[in-house]
């Protein structure tokens, strides 16, 4: 509801005064809005990320687990970028990215790993699995920066953890 968005904006500005300074250089998609698939099993992180992404101008579709994300993609849903948690019940984010990369239609879609683990081995493993970038869950500004850099053209693979 509207008060959730107001509360989110208030706390984001308190935690990071520059939060809303992240700007994109070009409009997204045909109507200027970028469509993000957020794959996240944690209600807490979904409730944090959805308003943040919406306020930043993204259209967000949510899948609560990897299987739901795969089903959406197989049913023909189109996304400009996919943001996926790594640790989920059932299929992991690693399993998800491998399956999505095997689909020719999705092979060039940027897929960003979202994890609470950010040591060099975790990041390396994520990049090897096929993620375009790797961001820690506790750094939402880094996520917005990564999303602002992504485009339908292939993005160089790097980690922003």
C-alpha atoms as a PDB file:
ATOM      1  CA  UNK A   1       0.000   0.000   0.000  1.00  0.00           C
ATOM      2  CA  UNK A   2       1.010   3.645  -0.263  1.00  0.00           C
ATOM      3  CA  UNK A   3       2.295   3.928   3.306  1.00  0.00           C
ATOM      4  CA  UNK A   4       4.694   1.028   2.685  1.00  0.00           C
ATOM      5  CA  UNK A   5       6.236   2.964  -0.186  1.00  0.00           C
ATOM      6  CA  UNK A   6       6.465   6.140   1.891  1.00  0.00           C
ATOM      7  CA  UNK A   7       8.052   4.194   4.775  1.00  0.00           C
ATOM      8  CA  UNK A   8      10.489   2.522   2.387  1.00  0.00           C
ATOM      9  CA  UNK A   9      11.531   5.851   0.893  1.00  0.00           C
ATOM     10  CA  UNK A  10      12.009   7.344   4.366  1.00  0.00           C
ATOM     11  CA  UNK A  11      14.227   4.505   5.603  1.00  0.00           C
ATOM     12  CA  UNK A  12      16.179   4.274   2.374  1.00  0.00           C
ATOM     13  CA  UNK A  13      17.036   7.968   2.580  1.00  0.00           C
ATOM     14  CA  UNK A  14      18.051   7.601   6.238  1.00  0.00           C
ATOM     15  CA  UNK A  15      20.336   4.660   5.518  1.00  0.00           C
ATOM     16  CA  UNK A  16      21.816   6.122   2.330  1.00  0.00           C
ATOM     17  CA  UNK A  17      21.266   9.770   1.435  1.00  0.00           C
ATOM     18  CA  UNK A  18      22.372   9.133  -2.164  1.00  0.00           C
ATOM     19  CA  UNK A  19      19.994   6.200  -2.656  1.00  0.00           C
ATOM     20  CA  UNK A  20      17.866   7.818  -5.354  1.00  0.00           C
ATOM     21  CA  UNK A  21      20.811   9.387  -7.177  1.00  0.00           C
ATOM     22  CA  UNK A  22      21.225   6.260  -9.321  1.00  0.00           C
ATOM     23  CA  UNK A  23      20.047   7.309 -12.776  1.00  0.00           C
ATOM     24  CA  UNK A  24      19.810   5.407 -16.008  1.00  0.00           C
ATOM     25  CA  UNK A  25      21.124   6.900 -19.220  1.00  0.00           C
ATOM     26  CA  UNK A  26      18.473   5.524 -21.537  1.00  0.00           C
ATOM     27  CA  UNK A  27      14.844   4.470 -21.241  1.00  0.00           C
ATOM     28  CA  UNK A  28      14.013   0.783 -20.963  1.00  0.00           C
ATOM     29  CA  UNK A  29      11.853  -1.323 -23.243  1.00  0.00           C
ATOM     30  CA  UNK A  30       9.253   0.089 -25.589  1.00  0.00           C
ATOM     31  CA  UNK A  31       7.491   2.181 -22.986  1.00  0.00           C
ATOM     32  CA  UNK A  32      10.500   3.261 -20.940  1.00  0.00           C
ATOM     33  CA  UNK A  33       9.891   0.713 -18.181  1.00  0.00           C
ATOM     34  CA  UNK A  34      12.185  -2.232 -17.606  1.00  0.00           C
ATOM     35  CA  UNK A  35      10.672  -5.593 -16.690  1.00  0.00           C
ATOM     36  CA  UNK A  36      12.499  -7.449 -13.900  1.00  0.00           C
ATOM     37  CA  UNK A  37      11.866 -11.010 -12.767  1.00  0.00           C
ATOM     38  CA  UNK A  38      12.711 -11.216  -9.052  1.00  0.00           C
ATOM     39  CA  UNK A  39      13.275 -14.789  -7.863  1.00  0.00           C
ATOM     40  CA  UNK A  40      13.343 -14.689  -4.062  1.00  0.00           C
ATOM     41  CA  UNK A  41      11.956 -17.156  -1.525  1.00  0.00           C
ATOM     42  CA  UNK A  42      12.263 -14.834   1.494  1.00  0.00           C
ATOM     43  CA  UNK A  43       9.175 -12.706   2.124  1.00  0.00           C
ATOM     44  CA  UNK A  44      11.374 -10.245   4.031  1.00  0.00           C
ATOM     45  CA  UNK A  45      13.658  -9.595   1.054  1.00  0.00           C
ATOM     46  CA  UNK A  46      10.745  -9.571  -1.416  1.00  0.00           C
ATOM     47  CA  UNK A  47       9.038  -6.931   0.716  1.00  0.00           C
ATOM     48  CA  UNK A  48      12.252  -4.894   0.768  1.00  0.00           C
ATOM     49  CA  UNK A  49      13.137  -5.232  -2.916  1.00  0.00           C
ATOM     50  CA  UNK A  50       9.758  -4.907  -4.651  1.00  0.00           C
ATOM     51  CA  UNK A  51       9.023  -1.337  -3.456  1.00  0.00           C
ATOM     52  CA  UNK A  52      12.650  -0.327  -4.020  1.00  0.00           C
ATOM     53  CA  UNK A  53      12.623  -1.601  -7.611  1.00  0.00           C
ATOM     54  CA  UNK A  54       9.187  -0.125  -8.274  1.00  0.00           C
ATOM     55  CA  UNK A  55      10.237   3.288  -6.962  1.00  0.00           C
ATOM     56  CA  UNK A  56      13.329   3.083  -9.180  1.00  0.00           C
ATOM     57  CA  UNK A  57      11.028   2.651 -12.196  1.00  0.00           C
ATOM     58  CA  UNK A  58      11.066  -1.096 -12.773  1.00  0.00           C
ATOM     59  CA  UNK A  59       8.084  -3.319 -13.469  1.00  0.00           C
ATOM     60  CA  UNK A  60       8.542  -6.321 -11.164  1.00  0.00           C
ATOM     61  CA  UNK A  61       7.272  -9.877 -11.558  1.00  0.00           C
ATOM     62  CA  UNK A  62       7.941 -12.154  -8.588  1.00  0.00           C
ATOM     63  CA  UNK A  63       8.671 -15.864  -8.490  1.00  0.00           C
ATOM     64  CA  UNK A  64       8.984 -17.294  -4.980  1.00  0.00           C
ATOM     65  CA  UNK A  65      11.205 -20.162  -6.122  1.00  0.00           C
ATOM     66  CA  UNK A  66      13.280 -21.268  -9.103  1.00  0.00           C
ATOM     67  CA  UNK A  67      10.655 -23.669 -10.412  1.00  0.00           C
ATOM     68  CA  UNK A  68       8.109 -20.827 -10.660  1.00  0.00           C
ATOM     69  CA  UNK A  69      10.655 -18.689 -12.540  1.00  0.00           C
ATOM     70  CA  UNK A  70      11.342 -21.499 -15.004  1.00  0.00           C
ATOM     71  CA  UNK A  71       7.609 -21.977 -15.531  1.00  0.00           C
ATOM     72  CA  UNK A  72       7.101 -18.253 -16.242  1.00  0.00           C
ATOM     73  CA  UNK A  73       9.940 -18.260 -18.759  1.00  0.00           C
ATOM     74  CA  UNK A  74       8.752 -21.462 -20.459  1.00  0.00           C
ATOM     75  CA  UNK A  75       5.258 -19.982 -20.724  1.00  0.00           C
ATOM     76  CA  UNK A  76       6.721 -17.170 -22.827  1.00  0.00           C
ATOM     77  CA  UNK A  77       7.055 -14.349 -20.301  1.00  0.00           C
ATOM     78  CA  UNK A  78       9.724 -11.876 -21.366  1.00  0.00           C
ATOM     79  CA  UNK A  79      12.067 -10.080 -18.986  1.00  0.00           C
ATOM     80  CA  UNK A  80      14.761  -7.464 -19.530  1.00  0.00           C
ATOM     81  CA  UNK A  81      16.720  -8.744 -16.536  1.00  0.00           C
ATOM     82  CA  UNK A  82      16.384 -11.515 -13.950  1.00  0.00           C
ATOM     83  CA  UNK A  83      17.481 -11.092 -10.323  1.00  0.00           C
ATOM     84  CA  UNK A  84      17.740 -14.359  -8.423  1.00  0.00           C
ATOM     85  CA  UNK A  85      18.528 -15.415  -4.900  1.00  0.00           C
ATOM     86  CA  UNK A  86      21.155 -18.146  -4.674  1.00  0.00           C
ATOM     87  CA  UNK A  87      19.931 -20.165  -1.688  1.00  0.00           C
ATOM     88  CA  UNK A  88      16.356 -21.341  -2.147  1.00  0.00           C
ATOM     89  CA  UNK A  89      14.485 -24.523  -1.298  1.00  0.00           C
ATOM     90  CA  UNK A  90      14.287 -26.966  -4.196  1.00  0.00           C
ATOM     91  CA  UNK A  91      16.343 -25.697  -7.105  1.00  0.00           C
ATOM     92  CA  UNK A  92      19.064 -23.221  -6.138  1.00  0.00           C
ATOM     93  CA  UNK A  93      19.868 -20.025  -7.989  1.00  0.00           C
ATOM     94  CA  UNK A  94      22.800 -21.896  -9.547  1.00  0.00           C
ATOM     95  CA  UNK A  95      20.411 -24.550 -10.886  1.00  0.00           C
ATOM     96  CA  UNK A  96      18.090 -21.829 -12.160  1.00  0.00           C
ATOM     97  CA  UNK A  97      20.760 -19.899 -14.064  1.00  0.00           C
ATOM     98  CA  UNK A  98      22.076 -23.086 -15.676  1.00  0.00           C
ATOM     99  CA  UNK A  99      18.591 -24.017 -16.911  1.00  0.00           C
ATOM    100  CA  UNK A 100      17.859 -20.507 -18.162  1.00  0.00           C
ATOM    101  CA  UNK A 101      21.203 -20.254 -19.970  1.00  0.00           C
ATOM    102  CA  UNK A 102      20.406 -23.546 -21.750  1.00  0.00           C
ATOM    103  CA  UNK A 103      17.325 -21.888 -23.317  1.00  0.00           C
ATOM    104  CA  UNK A 104      18.446 -20.048 -26.482  1.00  0.00           C
ATOM    105  CA  UNK A 105      15.704 -17.456 -25.977  1.00  0.00           C
ATOM    106  CA  UNK A 106      17.130 -16.539 -22.557  1.00  0.00           C
ATOM    107  CA  UNK A 107      20.833 -17.074 -23.140  1.00  0.00           C
ATOM    108  CA  UNK A 108      21.575 -13.334 -23.425  1.00  0.00           C
ATOM    109  CA  UNK A 109      19.201 -12.027 -20.747  1.00  0.00           C
ATOM    110  CA  UNK A 110      21.235 -10.514 -17.898  1.00  0.00           C
ATOM    111  CA  UNK A 111      20.835 -12.608 -14.742  1.00  0.00           C
ATOM    112  CA  UNK A 112      22.023 -11.083 -11.474  1.00  0.00           C
ATOM    113  CA  UNK A 113      22.807 -13.253  -8.442  1.00  0.00           C
ATOM    114  CA  UNK A 114      21.515 -11.960  -5.133  1.00  0.00           C
ATOM    115  CA  UNK A 115      23.123 -13.539  -2.080  1.00  0.00           C
ATOM    116  CA  UNK A 116      24.076 -12.966   1.523  1.00  0.00           C
ATOM    117  CA  UNK A 117      27.422 -14.651   0.775  1.00  0.00           C
ATOM    118  CA  UNK A 118      30.016 -12.562  -1.000  1.00  0.00           C
ATOM    119  CA  UNK A 119      33.420 -14.104  -0.570  1.00  0.00           C
ATOM    120  CA  UNK A 120      35.575 -14.503  -3.658  1.00  0.00           C
ATOM    121  CA  UNK A 121      34.778 -18.224  -4.011  1.00  0.00           C
ATOM    122  CA  UNK A 122      31.007 -17.582  -3.911  1.00  0.00           C
ATOM    123  CA  UNK A 123      31.330 -14.864  -6.535  1.00  0.00           C
ATOM    124  CA  UNK A 124      33.538 -17.052  -8.738  1.00  0.00           C
ATOM    125  CA  UNK A 125      31.070 -19.931  -8.461  1.00  0.00           C
ATOM    126  CA  UNK A 126      28.198 -17.618  -9.434  1.00  0.00           C
ATOM    127  CA  UNK A 127      30.010 -16.295 -12.476  1.00  0.00           C
ATOM    128  CA  UNK A 128      30.984 -19.824 -13.549  1.00  0.00           C
ATOM    129  CA  UNK A 129      27.338 -20.902 -13.274  1.00  0.00           C
ATOM    130  CA  UNK A 130      26.312 -18.199 -15.744  1.00  0.00           C
ATOM    131  CA  UNK A 131      25.305 -15.157 -13.722  1.00  0.00           C
ATOM    132  CA  UNK A 132      26.021 -11.819 -15.378  1.00  0.00           C
ATOM    133  CA  UNK A 133      26.750 -10.124 -12.062  1.00  0.00           C
ATOM    134  CA  UNK A 134      26.738 -10.926  -8.339  1.00  0.00           C
ATOM    135  CA  UNK A 135      25.370  -8.585  -5.662  1.00  0.00           C
ATOM    136  CA  UNK A 136      25.004  -8.990  -1.915  1.00  0.00           C
ATOM    137  CA  UNK A 137      21.479  -8.765  -0.543  1.00  0.00           C
ATOM    138  CA  UNK A 138      22.528  -6.163   1.975  1.00  0.00           C
ATOM    139  CA  UNK A 139      23.736  -3.710  -0.681  1.00  0.00           C
ATOM    140  CA  UNK A 140      20.608  -2.536  -2.502  1.00  0.00           C
ATOM    141  CA  UNK A 141      22.441   0.447  -3.998  1.00  0.00           C
ATOM    142  CA  UNK A 142      24.815  -1.974  -5.758  1.00  0.00           C
ATOM    143  CA  UNK A 143      21.789  -3.840  -7.130  1.00  0.00           C
ATOM    144  CA  UNK A 144      20.331  -0.632  -8.566  1.00  0.00           C
ATOM    145  CA  UNK A 145      23.717   0.266 -10.052  1.00  0.00           C
ATOM    146  CA  UNK A 146      23.973  -3.158 -11.712  1.00  0.00           C
ATOM    147  CA  UNK A 147      20.423  -2.929 -13.044  1.00  0.00           C
ATOM    148  CA  UNK A 148      21.058   0.541 -14.432  1.00  0.00           C
ATOM    149  CA  UNK A 149      24.057  -0.822 -16.379  1.00  0.00           C
ATOM    150  CA  UNK A 150      22.252  -3.783 -17.867  1.00  0.00           C
ATOM    151  CA  UNK A 151      20.778  -3.614 -21.324  1.00  0.00           C
ATOM    152  CA  UNK A 152      19.409  -6.037 -23.849  1.00  0.00           C
ATOM    153  CA  UNK A 153      22.933  -6.150 -25.277  1.00  0.00           C
ATOM    154  CA  UNK A 154      25.283  -8.527 -23.521  1.00  0.00           C
ATOM    155  CA  UNK A 155      26.725  -7.018 -20.355  1.00  0.00           C
ATOM    156  CA  UNK A 156      30.311  -7.891 -19.402  1.00  0.00           C
ATOM    157  CA  UNK A 157      30.329 -10.352 -16.540  1.00  0.00           C
ATOM    158  CA  UNK A 158      31.610  -8.946 -13.285  1.00  0.00           C
ATOM    159  CA  UNK A 159      30.875  -9.012  -9.588  1.00  0.00           C
ATOM    160  CA  UNK A 160      29.614  -6.043  -7.594  1.00  0.00           C
ATOM    161  CA  UNK A 161      29.746  -7.634  -4.180  1.00  0.00           C
END
